């Protein structure tokens, strides 16, 4: 009976190591596209919606209208939460829907915000809206591009 070679013993251990490494990498990414949405209505009966779609695999959750969000338009770090960024944009009371698309851009994110007004005439002033993106790993705000 022949003894197994050293290479034959190492190969299964190497394959197990690769599988473990791939599984560990999966912990920092979300599998497949994900989406979140919220619908609102005011006392005048006007309704609107915000739909968020993530194709980057880097967003684990979305918080709508987060407390303490950056009051300005753009992307900002969240104090005490290294795995989160606030994304703010200008909308208004006359918005029918807002669509937010998130894609991976290298190690960062590309975010496109599209606001669709409703069909009625509107003279309301613009207001800042915000969402908080909870991320699988820290991404500095400087690595997030926002287009509206």
Protein backbone atom coordinates (compact mmCIF):
# COMPACT_ATOMS: atom_id res chain seq x y z
CA UNK A 1 0.00 0.00 0.00
CA UNK A 2 1.45 3.37 -0.98
CA UNK A 3 1.61 6.31 1.36
CA UNK A 4 -0.20 9.51 0.33
CA UNK A 5 2.09 12.21 -0.93
CA UNK A 6 2.49 15.49 0.93
CA UNK A 7 0.79 17.34 -1.99
CA UNK A 8 -2.30 15.11 -1.70
CA UNK A 9 -2.59 15.93 2.01
CA UNK A 10 -2.13 19.68 1.50
CA UNK A 11 -4.57 20.05 -1.42
CA UNK A 12 -7.78 19.32 0.62
CA UNK A 13 -6.58 21.63 3.38
CA UNK A 14 -5.88 24.36 0.80
CA UNK A 15 -9.34 24.01 -0.70
CA UNK A 16 -10.91 24.24 2.76
CA UNK A 17 -8.86 27.37 3.45
CA UNK A 18 -10.04 28.98 0.20
CA UNK A 19 -13.67 28.13 1.05
CA UNK A 20 -13.24 29.64 4.52
CA UNK A 21 -11.68 32.79 3.04
CA UNK A 22 -14.53 33.19 0.54
CA UNK A 23 -17.10 32.74 3.32
CA UNK A 24 -15.32 35.32 5.48
CA UNK A 25 -15.30 37.82 2.60
CA UNK A 26 -19.05 37.37 2.28
CA UNK A 27 -19.45 38.90 5.73
CA UNK A 28 -18.52 42.34 4.39
CA UNK A 29 -20.86 42.33 1.40
CA UNK A 30 -24.58 41.93 0.94
CA UNK A 31 -25.56 39.31 -1.60
CA UNK A 32 -27.57 40.63 -4.52
CA UNK A 33 -29.50 43.87 -5.03
CA UNK A 34 -31.69 45.10 -2.18
CA UNK A 35 -34.39 47.73 -1.93
CA UNK A 36 -36.22 49.74 0.71
CA UNK A 37 -39.15 52.12 0.46
CA UNK A 38 -41.37 54.35 2.52
CA UNK A 39 -44.65 56.04 1.66
CA UNK A 40 -45.93 59.17 3.39
CA UNK A 41 -49.00 61.35 3.28
CA UNK A 42 -49.75 64.72 4.84
CA UNK A 43 -52.89 66.19 6.36
CA UNK A 44 -53.88 67.66 2.97
CA UNK A 45 -54.01 64.18 1.44
CA UNK A 46 -50.81 64.52 -0.61
CA UNK A 47 -48.85 61.28 -0.71
CA UNK A 48 -45.30 60.57 -1.79
CA UNK A 49 -42.79 57.74 -1.72
CA UNK A 50 -39.05 57.22 -1.44
CA UNK A 51 -37.62 54.11 -3.09
CA UNK A 52 -34.00 53.12 -2.45
CA UNK A 53 -32.27 50.48 -4.58
CA UNK A 54 -28.77 49.21 -3.74
CA UNK A 55 -26.80 47.32 -6.39
CA UNK A 56 -23.44 47.90 -4.69
CA UNK A 57 -23.70 45.08 -2.16
CA UNK A 58 -22.35 47.50 0.46
CA UNK A 59 -25.59 48.69 2.10
CA UNK A 60 -27.03 46.56 4.91
CA UNK A 61 -29.94 48.81 5.90
CA UNK A 62 -31.53 52.22 5.26
CA UNK A 63 -33.00 54.55 7.87
CA UNK A 64 -35.45 57.18 6.60
CA UNK A 65 -35.44 60.66 8.22
CA UNK A 66 -32.74 59.78 10.79
CA UNK A 67 -32.40 61.84 13.95
CA UNK A 68 -29.41 64.19 13.89
CA UNK A 69 -28.91 63.93 10.12
CA UNK A 70 -26.66 66.50 8.45
CA UNK A 71 -28.86 69.56 7.72
CA UNK A 72 -27.05 70.38 4.46
CA UNK A 73 -27.23 68.69 1.07
CA UNK A 74 -24.62 66.02 0.40
CA UNK A 75 -22.98 63.06 2.12
CA UNK A 76 -21.78 63.23 5.73
CA UNK A 77 -20.23 60.90 8.28
CA UNK A 78 -22.41 59.85 11.21
CA UNK A 79 -20.66 60.59 14.53
CA UNK A 80 -20.03 57.41 16.49
CA UNK A 81 -21.13 55.17 13.60
CA UNK A 82 -18.16 54.43 11.32
CA UNK A 83 -20.27 52.08 9.16
CA UNK A 84 -22.88 54.72 8.30
CA UNK A 85 -23.25 57.83 6.15
CA UNK A 86 -26.08 60.33 5.85
CA UNK A 87 -27.26 61.25 2.36
CA UNK A 88 -29.28 64.47 2.02
CA UNK A 89 -30.99 66.06 -0.98
CA UNK A 90 -33.48 68.82 -1.78
CA UNK A 91 -37.09 67.83 -2.31
CA UNK A 92 -40.40 69.48 -1.65
CA UNK A 93 -43.97 69.11 -0.51
CA UNK A 94 -45.06 68.56 -4.10
CA UNK A 95 -42.89 65.50 -4.77
CA UNK A 96 -44.80 62.46 -5.99
CA UNK A 97 -41.82 60.11 -5.68
CA UNK A 98 -38.10 60.02 -5.06
CA UNK A 99 -35.93 57.23 -6.46
CA UNK A 100 -32.44 56.65 -5.05
CA UNK A 101 -30.10 54.30 -6.92
CA UNK A 102 -26.86 53.15 -5.28
CA UNK A 103 -24.02 51.48 -7.19
CA UNK A 104 -20.47 50.53 -6.33
CA UNK A 105 -17.76 52.81 -7.68
CA UNK A 106 -14.47 51.13 -6.82
CA UNK A 107 -14.24 51.05 -3.03
CA UNK A 108 -16.87 53.81 -2.77
CA UNK A 109 -20.46 54.45 -3.80
CA UNK A 110 -22.28 56.35 -6.53
CA UNK A 111 -25.73 57.61 -5.53
CA UNK A 112 -28.29 59.10 -7.93
CA UNK A 113 -31.38 60.85 -6.55
CA UNK A 114 -34.31 61.48 -8.93
CA UNK A 115 -37.25 63.52 -7.66
CA UNK A 116 -40.52 63.38 -9.60
CA UNK A 117 -43.01 66.19 -8.84
CA UNK A 118 -46.72 65.47 -8.84
CA UNK A 119 -48.93 66.92 -11.58
CA UNK A 120 -50.43 69.80 -9.58
CA UNK A 121 -48.98 73.34 -9.60
CA UNK A 122 -46.67 73.87 -6.66
CA UNK A 123 -45.09 76.93 -5.14
CA UNK A 124 -43.63 75.26 -2.02
CA UNK A 125 -40.06 75.94 -1.02
CA UNK A 126 -37.51 73.13 -1.27
CA UNK A 127 -36.78 71.12 1.88
CA UNK A 128 -33.88 68.89 2.78
CA UNK A 129 -34.60 65.16 3.01
CA UNK A 130 -32.20 62.55 4.37
CA UNK A 131 -31.56 58.84 4.66
CA UNK A 132 -28.91 57.05 6.67
CA UNK A 133 -27.10 54.24 4.87
CA UNK A 134 -25.83 51.50 7.17
CA UNK A 135 -22.85 49.90 5.46
CA UNK A 136 -21.15 46.51 5.61
CA UNK A 137 -17.84 48.33 6.18
CA UNK A 138 -16.76 51.95 6.68
CA UNK A 139 -16.75 54.12 3.56
CA UNK A 140 -15.52 57.72 3.98
CA UNK A 141 -17.99 60.35 2.69
CA UNK A 142 -15.30 61.58 0.29
CA UNK A 143 -15.61 58.23 -1.53
CA UNK A 144 -19.36 58.70 -2.12
CA UNK A 145 -20.53 60.70 -5.12
CA UNK A 146 -24.04 62.15 -5.09
CA UNK A 147 -25.96 63.24 -8.21
CA UNK A 148 -29.38 64.85 -8.11
